[in-house]
Amino acid sequence: QLRDPRPEVRAAGRRVAAASNRNQEAQAARLPVISLTATFSSVQEFDLTRGRQFELGSKWQSADGGAWLTLAVYDITRRNLAISDPDNPGQTLPVGQQSSWGAEAAFAWQASSRLSLQGNLAWVDASLDEFYSGNVSYAGNRPANTPDAVANLWLDYRWRPQWSAGIDLRSMASRYADNANTLTSAGYSVWGANVRFL
């Protein structure tokens, strides 16, 4: 029987439910997290970040607990945001406003006592609404290192009480490597396989 023991956690300033690291990987499509390695002197003159968030979600679970599905859509706007400078590691840049809206879906299905399938998909449309670097405006650009889609799929088979094997697929869409959106990092898909002894 599948259960959804997801604790409430905070990620990028919002409450989310995380079933495991697998579901958290779908969260990667959300707005990038502020660098915690920046020194106090590099951010002390920035205004406090303020935000607004709307989210609508739903969860379905089968009567026997063998399957569940969650769906969510959201809209987030953050003002006075400080983001990591992709051109100067360890430094931060003040951003006037950054917004994103997107959707997420996650599911799990216990097909039998031995076979289970889990997956998630996240899509986000993120934008730098107000952002100047020097005299150049990056308004309308996508934030650096923010893919518009991330997907994961896991299939596990337990052939003995303490032994299991699985395959997985993890995919991430292409993303810009700079705030000017002139350099790109290619998207990728990675297949994996594992054997576990519990």
N, C-alpha and C. Protein backbone atom coordinates (compact mmCIF):
# COMPACT_ATOMS: atom_id res chain seq x y z
N GLN A 1 0.83 -1.18 0.00
CA GLN A 1 0.00 0.00 0.00
C GLN A 1 0.88 1.24 0.00
N LEU A 2 0.61 2.15 -0.93
CA LEU A 2 1.37 3.39 -1.00
C LEU A 2 0.78 4.39 -0.04
N ARG A 3 1.63 5.09 0.62
CA ARG A 3 1.19 6.18 1.49
C ARG A 3 1.86 7.45 1.03
N ASP A 4 1.33 8.55 1.44
CA ASP A 4 1.89 9.83 1.06
C ASP A 4 2.37 10.54 2.33
N PRO A 5 3.53 10.13 2.86
CA PRO A 5 4.00 10.67 4.14
C PRO A 5 4.78 11.96 3.95
N ARG A 6 4.33 12.81 3.04
CA ARG A 6 5.12 13.97 2.69
C ARG A 6 5.05 15.05 3.76
N PRO A 7 6.20 15.42 4.33
CA PRO A 7 6.20 16.52 5.29
C PRO A 7 6.06 17.85 4.56
N GLU A 8 5.52 18.82 5.25
CA GLU A 8 5.47 20.15 4.69
C GLU A 8 6.85 20.77 4.86
N VAL A 9 7.40 21.29 3.79
CA VAL A 9 8.70 21.96 3.86
C VAL A 9 8.61 23.29 3.15
N ARG A 10 9.60 24.12 3.36
CA ARG A 10 9.64 25.41 2.67
C ARG A 10 10.70 25.33 1.59
N ALA A 11 10.34 25.69 0.38
CA ALA A 11 11.29 25.73 -0.72
C ALA A 11 11.05 27.00 -1.51
N ALA A 12 12.09 27.79 -1.69
CA ALA A 12 11.99 29.05 -2.42
C ALA A 12 10.88 29.93 -1.86
N GLY A 13 10.73 29.92 -0.53
CA GLY A 13 9.79 30.83 0.11
C GLY A 13 8.36 30.39 0.09
N ARG A 14 8.07 29.15 -0.24
CA ARG A 14 6.69 28.71 -0.29
C ARG A 14 6.57 27.32 0.31
N ARG A 15 5.39 27.02 0.83
CA ARG A 15 5.18 25.69 1.41
C ARG A 15 4.91 24.70 0.30
N VAL A 16 5.62 23.60 0.35
CA VAL A 16 5.42 22.54 -0.63
C VAL A 16 5.42 21.22 0.10
N ALA A 17 4.89 20.21 -0.54
CA ALA A 17 4.93 18.87 0.03
C ALA A 17 5.96 18.08 -0.75
N ALA A 18 6.81 17.37 -0.05
CA ALA A 18 7.87 16.62 -0.70
C ALA A 18 7.79 15.16 -0.29
N ALA A 19 7.42 14.29 -1.22
CA ALA A 19 7.29 12.87 -0.90
C ALA A 19 8.67 12.24 -0.73
N SER A 20 9.61 12.72 -1.49
CA SER A 20 10.96 12.18 -1.44
C SER A 20 11.83 13.10 -2.26
N ASN A 21 13.10 12.74 -2.39
CA ASN A 21 13.96 13.51 -3.27
C ASN A 21 13.43 13.49 -4.70
N ARG A 22 12.71 12.45 -5.04
CA ARG A 22 12.18 12.35 -6.40
C ARG A 22 11.24 13.50 -6.69
N ASN A 23 10.30 13.77 -5.80
CA ASN A 23 9.37 14.88 -6.03
C ASN A 23 10.08 16.22 -5.92
N GLN A 24 11.11 16.30 -5.09
CA GLN A 24 11.82 17.57 -4.96
C GLN A 24 12.54 17.92 -6.24
N GLU A 25 12.93 16.91 -7.04
CA GLU A 25 13.57 17.22 -8.30
C GLU A 25 12.63 17.96 -9.22
N ALA A 26 11.34 17.69 -9.13
CA ALA A 26 10.38 18.43 -9.93
C ALA A 26 10.32 19.87 -9.50
N GLN A 27 10.63 20.14 -8.24
CA GLN A 27 10.61 21.50 -7.74
C GLN A 27 11.73 22.33 -8.37
N ALA A 28 12.70 21.68 -9.00
CA ALA A 28 13.81 22.42 -9.56
C ALA A 28 13.38 23.40 -10.64
N ALA A 29 12.22 23.18 -11.21
CA ALA A 29 11.75 24.08 -12.25
C ALA A 29 11.25 25.39 -11.68
N ARG A 30 11.09 25.47 -10.39
CA ARG A 30 10.63 26.71 -9.77
C ARG A 30 11.73 27.76 -9.80
N LEU A 31 11.42 28.94 -9.32
CA LEU A 31 12.39 30.03 -9.32
C LEU A 31 13.67 29.62 -8.61
N PRO A 32 14.82 30.07 -9.11
CA PRO A 32 16.07 29.69 -8.47
C PRO A 32 16.16 30.22 -7.04
N VAL A 33 16.81 29.46 -6.19
CA VAL A 33 16.95 29.84 -4.79
C VAL A 33 18.12 30.80 -4.64
N ILE A 34 17.97 31.77 -3.77
CA ILE A 34 19.03 32.74 -3.53
C ILE A 34 20.26 32.04 -3.00
N SER A 35 21.43 32.47 -3.47
CA SER A 35 22.69 31.89 -3.00
C SER A 35 22.90 32.21 -1.53
N LEU A 36 23.14 31.19 -0.72
CA LEU A 36 23.40 31.39 0.69
C LEU A 36 24.88 31.60 0.97
N THR A 37 25.71 31.54 -0.09
CA THR A 37 27.14 31.71 0.10
C THR A 37 27.57 33.16 -0.05
N ALA A 38 26.64 34.04 -0.41
CA ALA A 38 27.00 35.44 -0.57
C ALA A 38 27.35 36.04 0.79
N THR A 39 28.33 36.93 0.79
CA THR A 39 28.72 37.56 2.04
C THR A 39 27.71 38.62 2.42
N PHE A 40 27.65 38.94 3.71
CA PHE A 40 26.71 39.95 4.19
C PHE A 40 26.96 41.29 3.51
N SER A 41 28.23 41.62 3.28
CA SER A 41 28.55 42.91 2.68
C SER A 41 28.03 43.03 1.26
N SER A 42 27.85 41.89 0.57
CA SER A 42 27.38 41.96 -0.81
C SER A 42 25.87 42.10 -0.92
N VAL A 43 25.13 41.89 0.17
CA VAL A 43 23.68 41.99 0.10
C VAL A 43 23.08 42.96 1.11
N GLN A 44 23.89 43.56 1.97
CA GLN A 44 23.34 44.34 3.07
C GLN A 44 22.59 45.59 2.61
N GLU A 45 22.89 46.11 1.41
CA GLU A 45 22.22 47.31 0.95
C GLU A 45 20.96 47.01 0.15
N PHE A 46 20.62 45.77 -0.03
CA PHE A 46 19.43 45.41 -0.79
C PHE A 46 18.20 45.53 0.11
N ASP A 47 17.07 45.89 -0.50
CA ASP A 47 15.81 45.91 0.24
C ASP A 47 15.36 44.48 0.51
N LEU A 48 14.49 44.31 1.51
CA LEU A 48 13.95 42.99 1.80
C LEU A 48 13.08 42.51 0.65
N THR A 49 13.15 41.22 0.38
CA THR A 49 12.34 40.63 -0.68
C THR A 49 10.89 40.51 -0.22
N ARG A 50 9.98 40.89 -1.09
CA ARG A 50 8.56 40.76 -0.82
C ARG A 50 7.94 39.94 -1.95
N GLY A 51 6.89 39.21 -1.62
CA GLY A 51 6.30 38.36 -2.64
C GLY A 51 4.81 38.19 -2.51
N ARG A 52 4.23 37.67 -3.58
CA ARG A 52 2.81 37.37 -3.63
C ARG A 52 2.69 36.00 -4.31
N GLN A 53 1.81 35.16 -3.78
CA GLN A 53 1.68 33.82 -4.32
C GLN A 53 0.22 33.38 -4.34
N PHE A 54 -0.16 32.76 -5.43
CA PHE A 54 -1.47 32.12 -5.55
C PHE A 54 -1.22 30.68 -5.98
N GLU A 55 -1.92 29.76 -5.35
CA GLU A 55 -1.75 28.35 -5.71
C GLU A 55 -3.07 27.62 -5.56
N LEU A 56 -3.32 26.73 -6.50
CA LEU A 56 -4.51 25.90 -6.46
C LEU A 56 -4.07 24.47 -6.74
N GLY A 57 -4.46 23.56 -5.86
CA GLY A 57 -4.02 22.19 -6.03
C GLY A 57 -5.08 21.19 -5.63
N SER A 58 -4.87 19.96 -6.03
CA SER A 58 -5.80 18.90 -5.71
C SER A 58 -5.03 17.59 -5.57
N LYS A 59 -5.58 16.71 -4.74
CA LYS A 59 -4.97 15.40 -4.56
C LYS A 59 -6.05 14.33 -4.64
N TRP A 60 -5.73 13.25 -5.31
CA TRP A 60 -6.61 12.10 -5.40
C TRP A 60 -5.84 10.88 -4.91
N GLN A 61 -6.53 10.04 -4.13
CA GLN A 61 -5.93 8.79 -3.67
C GLN A 61 -6.95 7.68 -3.82
N SER A 62 -6.51 6.53 -4.31
CA SER A 62 -7.43 5.41 -4.49
C SER A 62 -7.89 4.90 -3.13
N ALA A 63 -9.04 4.23 -3.13
CA ALA A 63 -9.63 3.74 -1.88
C ALA A 63 -8.71 2.76 -1.15
N ASP A 64 -7.95 1.98 -1.91
CA ASP A 64 -7.06 1.00 -1.27
C ASP A 64 -5.68 1.58 -0.96
N GLY A 65 -5.45 2.85 -1.28
CA GLY A 65 -4.17 3.47 -1.01
C GLY A 65 -3.08 3.06 -1.97
N GLY A 66 -3.41 2.34 -3.02
CA GLY A 66 -2.41 1.83 -3.95
C GLY A 66 -1.99 2.82 -5.02
N ALA A 67 -2.64 3.99 -5.06
CA ALA A 67 -2.28 4.99 -6.06
C ALA A 67 -2.68 6.36 -5.56
N TRP A 68 -1.92 7.37 -5.95
CA TRP A 68 -2.29 8.75 -5.66
C TRP A 68 -1.77 9.66 -6.76
N LEU A 69 -2.42 10.81 -6.87
CA LEU A 69 -2.09 11.79 -7.89
C LEU A 69 -2.27 13.18 -7.30
N THR A 70 -1.31 14.07 -7.53
CA THR A 70 -1.45 15.46 -7.10
C THR A 70 -1.27 16.36 -8.31
N LEU A 71 -2.04 17.43 -8.34
CA LEU A 71 -1.95 18.44 -9.39
C LEU A 71 -1.94 19.81 -8.74
N ALA A 72 -1.17 20.72 -9.28
CA ALA A 72 -1.13 22.07 -8.73
C ALA A 72 -0.77 23.06 -9.82
N VAL A 73 -1.35 24.25 -9.74
CA VAL A 73 -0.96 25.38 -10.58
C VAL A 73 -0.64 26.54 -9.64
N TYR A 74 0.26 27.40 -10.04
CA TYR A 74 0.68 28.47 -9.15
C TYR A 74 1.12 29.71 -9.93
N ASP A 75 1.12 30.83 -9.24
CA ASP A 75 1.59 32.10 -9.77
C ASP A 75 2.35 32.80 -8.65
N ILE A 76 3.62 33.12 -8.86
CA ILE A 76 4.46 33.72 -7.82
C ILE A 76 5.11 34.98 -8.38
N THR A 77 5.06 36.06 -7.63
CA THR A 77 5.77 37.29 -7.98
C THR A 77 6.62 37.70 -6.78
N ARG A 78 7.89 37.98 -7.04
CA ARG A 78 8.79 38.42 -5.97
C ARG A 78 9.45 39.73 -6.37
N ARG A 79 9.47 40.68 -5.42
CA ARG A 79 10.08 41.98 -5.65
C ARG A 79 11.31 42.13 -4.77
N ASN A 80 12.22 42.99 -5.20
CA ASN A 80 13.47 43.23 -4.46
C ASN A 80 14.23 41.93 -4.23
N LEU A 81 14.30 41.13 -5.25
CA LEU A 81 14.93 39.83 -5.16
C LEU A 81 16.42 39.95 -5.42
N ALA A 82 17.23 39.22 -4.69
CA ALA A 82 18.67 39.14 -4.94
C ALA A 82 18.96 37.74 -5.48
N ILE A 83 19.54 37.66 -6.67
CA ILE A 83 19.84 36.37 -7.28
C ILE A 83 21.34 36.20 -7.44
N SER A 84 21.78 34.97 -7.58
CA SER A 84 23.20 34.69 -7.82
C SER A 84 23.60 35.25 -9.17
N ASP A 85 24.78 35.84 -9.22
CA ASP A 85 25.32 36.38 -10.47
C ASP A 85 26.00 35.25 -11.23
N PRO A 86 25.43 34.81 -12.37
CA PRO A 86 26.04 33.67 -13.08
C PRO A 86 27.42 34.00 -13.64
N ASP A 87 27.73 35.30 -13.81
CA ASP A 87 29.04 35.69 -14.35
C ASP A 87 30.09 35.88 -13.26
N ASN A 88 29.65 36.03 -12.01
CA ASN A 88 30.57 36.24 -10.89
C ASN A 88 30.15 35.40 -9.70
N PRO A 89 30.62 34.16 -9.62
CA PRO A 89 30.22 33.28 -8.51
C PRO A 89 30.51 33.90 -7.15
N GLY A 90 29.56 33.73 -6.21
CA GLY A 90 29.70 34.28 -4.88
C GLY A 90 29.16 35.69 -4.75
N GLN A 91 28.75 36.29 -5.86
CA GLN A 91 28.18 37.64 -5.84
C GLN A 91 26.68 37.56 -6.12
N THR A 92 25.96 38.57 -5.68
CA THR A 92 24.52 38.62 -5.91
C THR A 92 24.15 39.89 -6.66
N LEU A 93 23.02 39.83 -7.35
CA LEU A 93 22.52 40.97 -8.12
C LEU A 93 21.10 41.29 -7.64
N PRO A 94 20.79 42.58 -7.47
CA PRO A 94 19.42 42.95 -7.10
C PRO A 94 18.52 42.92 -8.33
N VAL A 95 17.36 42.33 -8.19
CA VAL A 95 16.39 42.25 -9.28
C VAL A 95 15.14 43.00 -8.84
N GLY A 96 14.63 43.89 -9.68
CA GLY A 96 13.43 44.64 -9.32
C GLY A 96 12.24 43.73 -9.10
N GLN A 97 11.99 42.83 -10.06
CA GLN A 97 10.85 41.92 -9.91
C GLN A 97 11.06 40.69 -10.79
N GLN A 98 10.68 39.56 -10.27
CA GLN A 98 10.74 38.29 -11.00
C GLN A 98 9.44 37.57 -10.76
N SER A 99 8.89 36.97 -11.80
CA SER A 99 7.62 36.27 -11.64
C SER A 99 7.67 34.92 -12.34
N SER A 100 6.79 34.04 -11.92
CA SER A 100 6.67 32.74 -12.57
C SER A 100 5.27 32.21 -12.37
N TRP A 101 4.82 31.46 -13.34
CA TRP A 101 3.58 30.71 -13.17
C TRP A 101 3.81 29.36 -13.82
N GLY A 102 3.19 28.36 -13.24
CA GLY A 102 3.44 27.03 -13.75
C GLY A 102 2.49 26.00 -13.20
N ALA A 103 2.80 24.75 -13.50
CA ALA A 103 1.96 23.63 -13.08
C ALA A 103 2.85 22.45 -12.73
N GLU A 104 2.36 21.63 -11.81
CA GLU A 104 3.09 20.44 -11.38
C GLU A 104 2.13 19.27 -11.26
N ALA A 105 2.62 18.09 -11.54
CA ALA A 105 1.85 16.87 -11.34
C ALA A 105 2.79 15.80 -10.81
N ALA A 106 2.30 14.99 -9.90
CA ALA A 106 3.08 13.87 -9.36
C ALA A 106 2.14 12.70 -9.13
N PHE A 107 2.65 11.49 -9.30
CA PHE A 107 1.81 10.31 -9.09
C PHE A 107 2.63 9.16 -8.57
N ALA A 108 1.95 8.20 -8.00
CA ALA A 108 2.55 6.93 -7.59
C ALA A 108 1.51 5.85 -7.76
N TRP A 109 1.95 4.67 -8.20
CA TRP A 109 1.03 3.55 -8.42
C TRP A 109 1.73 2.26 -8.00
N GLN A 110 1.13 1.58 -7.06
CA GLN A 110 1.62 0.27 -6.63
C GLN A 110 0.87 -0.76 -7.46
N ALA A 111 1.47 -1.16 -8.58
CA ALA A 111 0.79 -2.06 -9.51
C ALA A 111 0.56 -3.44 -8.91
N SER A 112 1.48 -3.88 -8.07
CA SER A 112 1.35 -5.16 -7.38
C SER A 112 2.19 -5.07 -6.11
N SER A 113 2.24 -6.16 -5.36
CA SER A 113 3.04 -6.13 -4.14
C SER A 113 4.52 -5.99 -4.45
N ARG A 114 4.91 -6.24 -5.70
CA ARG A 114 6.32 -6.18 -6.07
C ARG A 114 6.68 -5.02 -7.00
N LEU A 115 5.71 -4.53 -7.74
CA LEU A 115 6.00 -3.54 -8.79
C LEU A 115 5.37 -2.19 -8.46
N SER A 116 6.17 -1.13 -8.54
CA SER A 116 5.65 0.22 -8.30
C SER A 116 6.20 1.19 -9.34
N LEU A 117 5.41 2.22 -9.60
CA LEU A 117 5.75 3.23 -10.59
C LEU A 117 5.48 4.60 -9.97
N GLN A 118 6.44 5.53 -10.11
CA GLN A 118 6.27 6.89 -9.61
C GLN A 118 6.78 7.86 -10.66
N GLY A 119 6.24 9.06 -10.65
CA GLY A 119 6.72 10.06 -11.60
C GLY A 119 6.25 11.45 -11.23
N ASN A 120 6.86 12.42 -11.85
CA ASN A 120 6.42 13.80 -11.68
C ASN A 120 6.82 14.62 -12.90
N LEU A 121 6.13 15.74 -13.05
CA LEU A 121 6.36 16.65 -14.16
C LEU A 121 6.11 18.05 -13.65
N ALA A 122 7.02 18.97 -13.98
CA ALA A 122 6.84 20.37 -13.59
C ALA A 122 7.11 21.24 -14.79
N TRP A 123 6.29 22.26 -14.97
CA TRP A 123 6.46 23.22 -16.04
C TRP A 123 6.36 24.62 -15.45
N VAL A 124 7.24 25.52 -15.86
CA VAL A 124 7.22 26.88 -15.32
C VAL A 124 7.56 27.89 -16.41
N ASP A 125 6.87 29.01 -16.38
CA ASP A 125 7.17 30.15 -17.25
C ASP A 125 7.69 31.25 -16.33
N ALA A 126 9.01 31.40 -16.24
CA ALA A 126 9.63 32.36 -15.34
C ALA A 126 10.16 33.55 -16.13
N SER A 127 10.09 34.73 -15.54
CA SER A 127 10.50 35.94 -16.25
C SER A 127 11.11 36.96 -15.29
N LEU A 128 12.16 37.63 -15.75
CA LEU A 128 12.71 38.79 -15.05
C LEU A 128 11.87 39.99 -15.49
N ASP A 129 10.98 40.46 -14.65
CA ASP A 129 10.07 41.54 -15.04
C ASP A 129 10.74 42.90 -15.02
N GLU A 130 11.58 43.13 -14.02
CA GLU A 130 12.33 44.38 -13.89
C GLU A 130 13.74 44.02 -13.44
N PHE A 131 14.71 44.20 -14.31
CA PHE A 131 16.07 43.85 -13.94
C PHE A 131 17.05 44.61 -14.83
N TYR A 132 17.84 45.48 -14.22
CA TYR A 132 18.87 46.23 -14.93
C TYR A 132 20.23 45.80 -14.41
N SER A 133 21.16 45.60 -15.33
CA SER A 133 22.55 45.38 -14.98
C SER A 133 23.34 46.44 -15.73
N GLY A 134 23.86 47.41 -14.98
CA GLY A 134 24.44 48.57 -15.63
C GLY A 134 23.31 49.37 -16.27
N ASN A 135 23.44 49.67 -17.53
CA ASN A 135 22.38 50.38 -18.26
C ASN A 135 21.57 49.45 -19.14
N VAL A 136 21.74 48.15 -18.98
CA VAL A 136 21.06 47.17 -19.83
C VAL A 136 19.87 46.57 -19.10
N SER A 137 18.71 46.58 -19.74
CA SER A 137 17.52 45.97 -19.15
C SER A 137 17.39 44.53 -19.64
N TYR A 138 17.18 43.62 -18.68
CA TYR A 138 16.94 42.23 -19.01
C TYR A 138 15.46 41.87 -18.80
N ALA A 139 14.61 42.88 -18.74
CA ALA A 139 13.18 42.65 -18.54
C ALA A 139 12.64 41.76 -19.65
N GLY A 140 11.86 40.76 -19.25
CA GLY A 140 11.28 39.82 -20.21
C GLY A 140 12.13 38.58 -20.42
N ASN A 141 13.38 38.59 -19.96
CA ASN A 141 14.24 37.42 -20.12
C ASN A 141 13.92 36.37 -19.06
N ARG A 142 14.28 35.15 -19.40
CA ARG A 142 14.15 34.04 -18.44
C ARG A 142 15.34 34.07 -17.49
N PRO A 143 15.12 33.85 -16.19
CA PRO A 143 16.26 33.79 -15.25
C PRO A 143 17.24 32.69 -15.64
N ALA A 144 18.51 32.94 -15.40
CA ALA A 144 19.54 31.96 -15.73
C ALA A 144 19.32 30.66 -14.96
N ASN A 145 19.68 29.55 -15.58
CA ASN A 145 19.62 28.21 -14.97
C ASN A 145 18.23 27.82 -14.52
N THR A 146 17.21 28.26 -15.24
CA THR A 146 15.83 27.92 -14.91
C THR A 146 15.18 27.23 -16.10
N PRO A 147 15.14 25.90 -16.12
CA PRO A 147 14.49 25.19 -17.23
C PRO A 147 12.99 25.38 -17.18
N ASP A 148 12.34 25.28 -18.33
CA ASP A 148 10.88 25.43 -18.31
C ASP A 148 10.16 24.11 -18.05
N ALA A 149 10.89 23.00 -18.06
CA ALA A 149 10.25 21.72 -17.77
C ALA A 149 11.25 20.74 -17.17
N VAL A 150 10.77 19.96 -16.21
CA VAL A 150 11.55 18.90 -15.58
C VAL A 150 10.61 17.71 -15.41
N ALA A 151 11.09 16.51 -15.72
CA ALA A 151 10.26 15.31 -15.58
C ALA A 151 11.10 14.17 -15.04
N ASN A 152 10.48 13.31 -14.24
CA ASN A 152 11.15 12.15 -13.65
C ASN A 152 10.19 10.96 -13.65
N LEU A 153 10.76 9.77 -13.82
CA LEU A 153 9.96 8.55 -13.81
C LEU A 153 10.80 7.43 -13.20
N TRP A 154 10.19 6.66 -12.27
CA TRP A 154 10.88 5.55 -11.61
C TRP A 154 10.01 4.30 -11.64
N LEU A 155 10.62 3.19 -11.98
CA LEU A 155 9.96 1.89 -11.96
C LEU A 155 10.79 0.97 -11.08
N ASP A 156 10.17 0.41 -10.04
CA ASP A 156 10.88 -0.46 -9.09
C ASP A 156 10.21 -1.82 -9.01
N TYR A 157 11.03 -2.85 -8.93
CA TYR A 157 10.53 -4.22 -8.79
C TYR A 157 11.26 -4.90 -7.63
N ARG A 158 10.49 -5.39 -6.66
CA ARG A 158 11.06 -6.09 -5.51
C ARG A 158 10.84 -7.60 -5.71
N TRP A 159 11.91 -8.32 -6.00
CA TRP A 159 11.75 -9.76 -6.26
C TRP A 159 11.94 -10.61 -5.02
N ARG A 160 12.55 -10.06 -3.97
CA ARG A 160 12.66 -10.73 -2.69
C ARG A 160 12.43 -9.68 -1.61
N PRO A 161 12.11 -10.09 -0.38
CA PRO A 161 11.80 -9.10 0.66
C PRO A 161 12.86 -8.03 0.83
N GLN A 162 14.14 -8.38 0.66
CA GLN A 162 15.19 -7.40 0.89
C GLN A 162 15.90 -6.95 -0.38
N TRP A 163 15.47 -7.44 -1.52
CA TRP A 163 16.13 -7.09 -2.78
C TRP A 163 15.14 -6.42 -3.73
N SER A 164 15.61 -5.37 -4.39
CA SER A 164 14.80 -4.72 -5.41
C SER A 164 15.70 -4.16 -6.50
N ALA A 165 15.12 -3.94 -7.65
CA ALA A 165 15.85 -3.35 -8.77
C ALA A 165 14.94 -2.33 -9.42
N GLY A 166 15.54 -1.37 -10.06
CA GLY A 166 14.72 -0.34 -10.69
C GLY A 166 15.42 0.35 -11.84
N ILE A 167 14.63 1.02 -12.63
CA ILE A 167 15.14 1.89 -13.69
C ILE A 167 14.47 3.24 -13.52
N ASP A 168 15.15 4.27 -14.00
CA ASP A 168 14.58 5.60 -13.88
C ASP A 168 14.98 6.45 -15.08
N LEU A 169 14.19 7.48 -15.32
CA LEU A 169 14.44 8.44 -16.37
C LEU A 169 14.29 9.82 -15.77
N ARG A 170 15.30 10.67 -15.93
CA ARG A 170 15.26 12.04 -15.44
C ARG A 170 15.55 12.97 -16.60
N SER A 171 14.68 13.93 -16.83
CA SER A 171 14.83 14.84 -17.96
C SER A 171 14.72 16.29 -17.51
N MET A 172 15.51 17.14 -18.14
CA MET A 172 15.45 18.57 -17.88
C MET A 172 15.55 19.30 -19.21
N ALA A 173 14.70 20.31 -19.41
CA ALA A 173 14.72 21.09 -20.64
C ALA A 173 15.94 21.99 -20.67
N SER A 174 16.24 22.54 -21.83
CA SER A 174 17.36 23.47 -21.95
C SER A 174 17.09 24.72 -21.11
N ARG A 175 18.15 25.44 -20.79
CA ARG A 175 18.03 26.64 -19.96
C ARG A 175 19.11 27.62 -20.36
N TYR A 176 18.86 28.87 -20.06
CA TYR A 176 19.86 29.90 -20.34
C TYR A 176 20.93 29.90 -19.26
N ALA A 177 22.17 30.16 -19.68
CA ALA A 177 23.29 30.17 -18.73
C ALA A 177 23.63 31.58 -18.27
N ASP A 178 22.95 32.58 -18.82
CA ASP A 178 23.21 33.96 -18.41
C ASP A 178 21.90 34.74 -18.42
N ASN A 179 21.91 35.89 -17.72
CA ASN A 179 20.69 36.69 -17.64
C ASN A 179 20.34 37.39 -18.94
N ALA A 180 21.32 37.54 -19.83
CA ALA A 180 21.06 38.15 -21.13
C ALA A 180 20.38 37.17 -22.08
N ASN A 181 20.32 35.90 -21.70
CA ASN A 181 19.72 34.85 -22.53
C ASN A 181 20.44 34.68 -23.87
N THR A 182 21.77 34.82 -23.84
CA THR A 182 22.56 34.63 -25.06
C THR A 182 23.28 33.29 -25.06
N LEU A 183 23.51 32.70 -23.88
CA LEU A 183 24.18 31.41 -23.77
C LEU A 183 23.18 30.38 -23.26
N THR A 184 23.21 29.19 -23.83
CA THR A 184 22.27 28.16 -23.39
C THR A 184 23.02 26.90 -22.95
N SER A 185 22.38 26.21 -22.02
CA SER A 185 22.82 24.87 -21.62
C SER A 185 21.79 23.90 -22.18
N ALA A 186 22.26 22.90 -22.88
CA ALA A 186 21.34 21.97 -23.54
C ALA A 186 20.53 21.18 -22.53
N GLY A 187 19.33 20.83 -22.91
CA GLY A 187 18.52 19.93 -22.10
C GLY A 187 19.10 18.53 -22.15
N TYR A 188 18.65 17.69 -21.27
CA TYR A 188 19.18 16.33 -21.25
C TYR A 188 18.18 15.36 -20.65
N SER A 189 18.39 14.10 -20.95
CA SER A 189 17.66 13.00 -20.33
C SER A 189 18.68 11.96 -19.89
N VAL A 190 18.50 11.44 -18.70
CA VAL A 190 19.43 10.45 -18.15
C VAL A 190 18.66 9.21 -17.74
N TRP A 191 19.07 8.07 -18.26
CA TRP A 191 18.52 6.80 -17.83
C TRP A 191 19.39 6.25 -16.71
N GLY A 192 18.77 5.61 -15.75
CA GLY A 192 19.54 5.00 -14.67
C GLY A 192 19.00 3.64 -14.30
N ALA A 193 19.80 2.86 -13.64
CA ALA A 193 19.38 1.54 -13.16
C ALA A 193 20.00 1.31 -11.80
N ASN A 194 19.33 0.55 -10.97
CA ASN A 194 19.84 0.29 -9.64
C ASN A 194 19.42 -1.07 -9.15
N VAL A 195 20.21 -1.62 -8.24
CA VAL A 195 19.87 -2.83 -7.49
C VAL A 195 20.10 -2.49 -6.04
N ARG A 196 19.11 -2.77 -5.20
CA ARG A 196 19.20 -2.40 -3.77
C ARG A 196 18.99 -3.61 -2.87
N PHE A 197 19.73 -3.58 -1.78
CA PHE A 197 19.55 -4.56 -0.72
C PHE A 197 19.12 -3.77 0.51
N LEU A 198 17.93 -4.06 1.02
CA LEU A 198 17.38 -3.29 2.14
C LEU A 198 17.58 -4.02 3.46
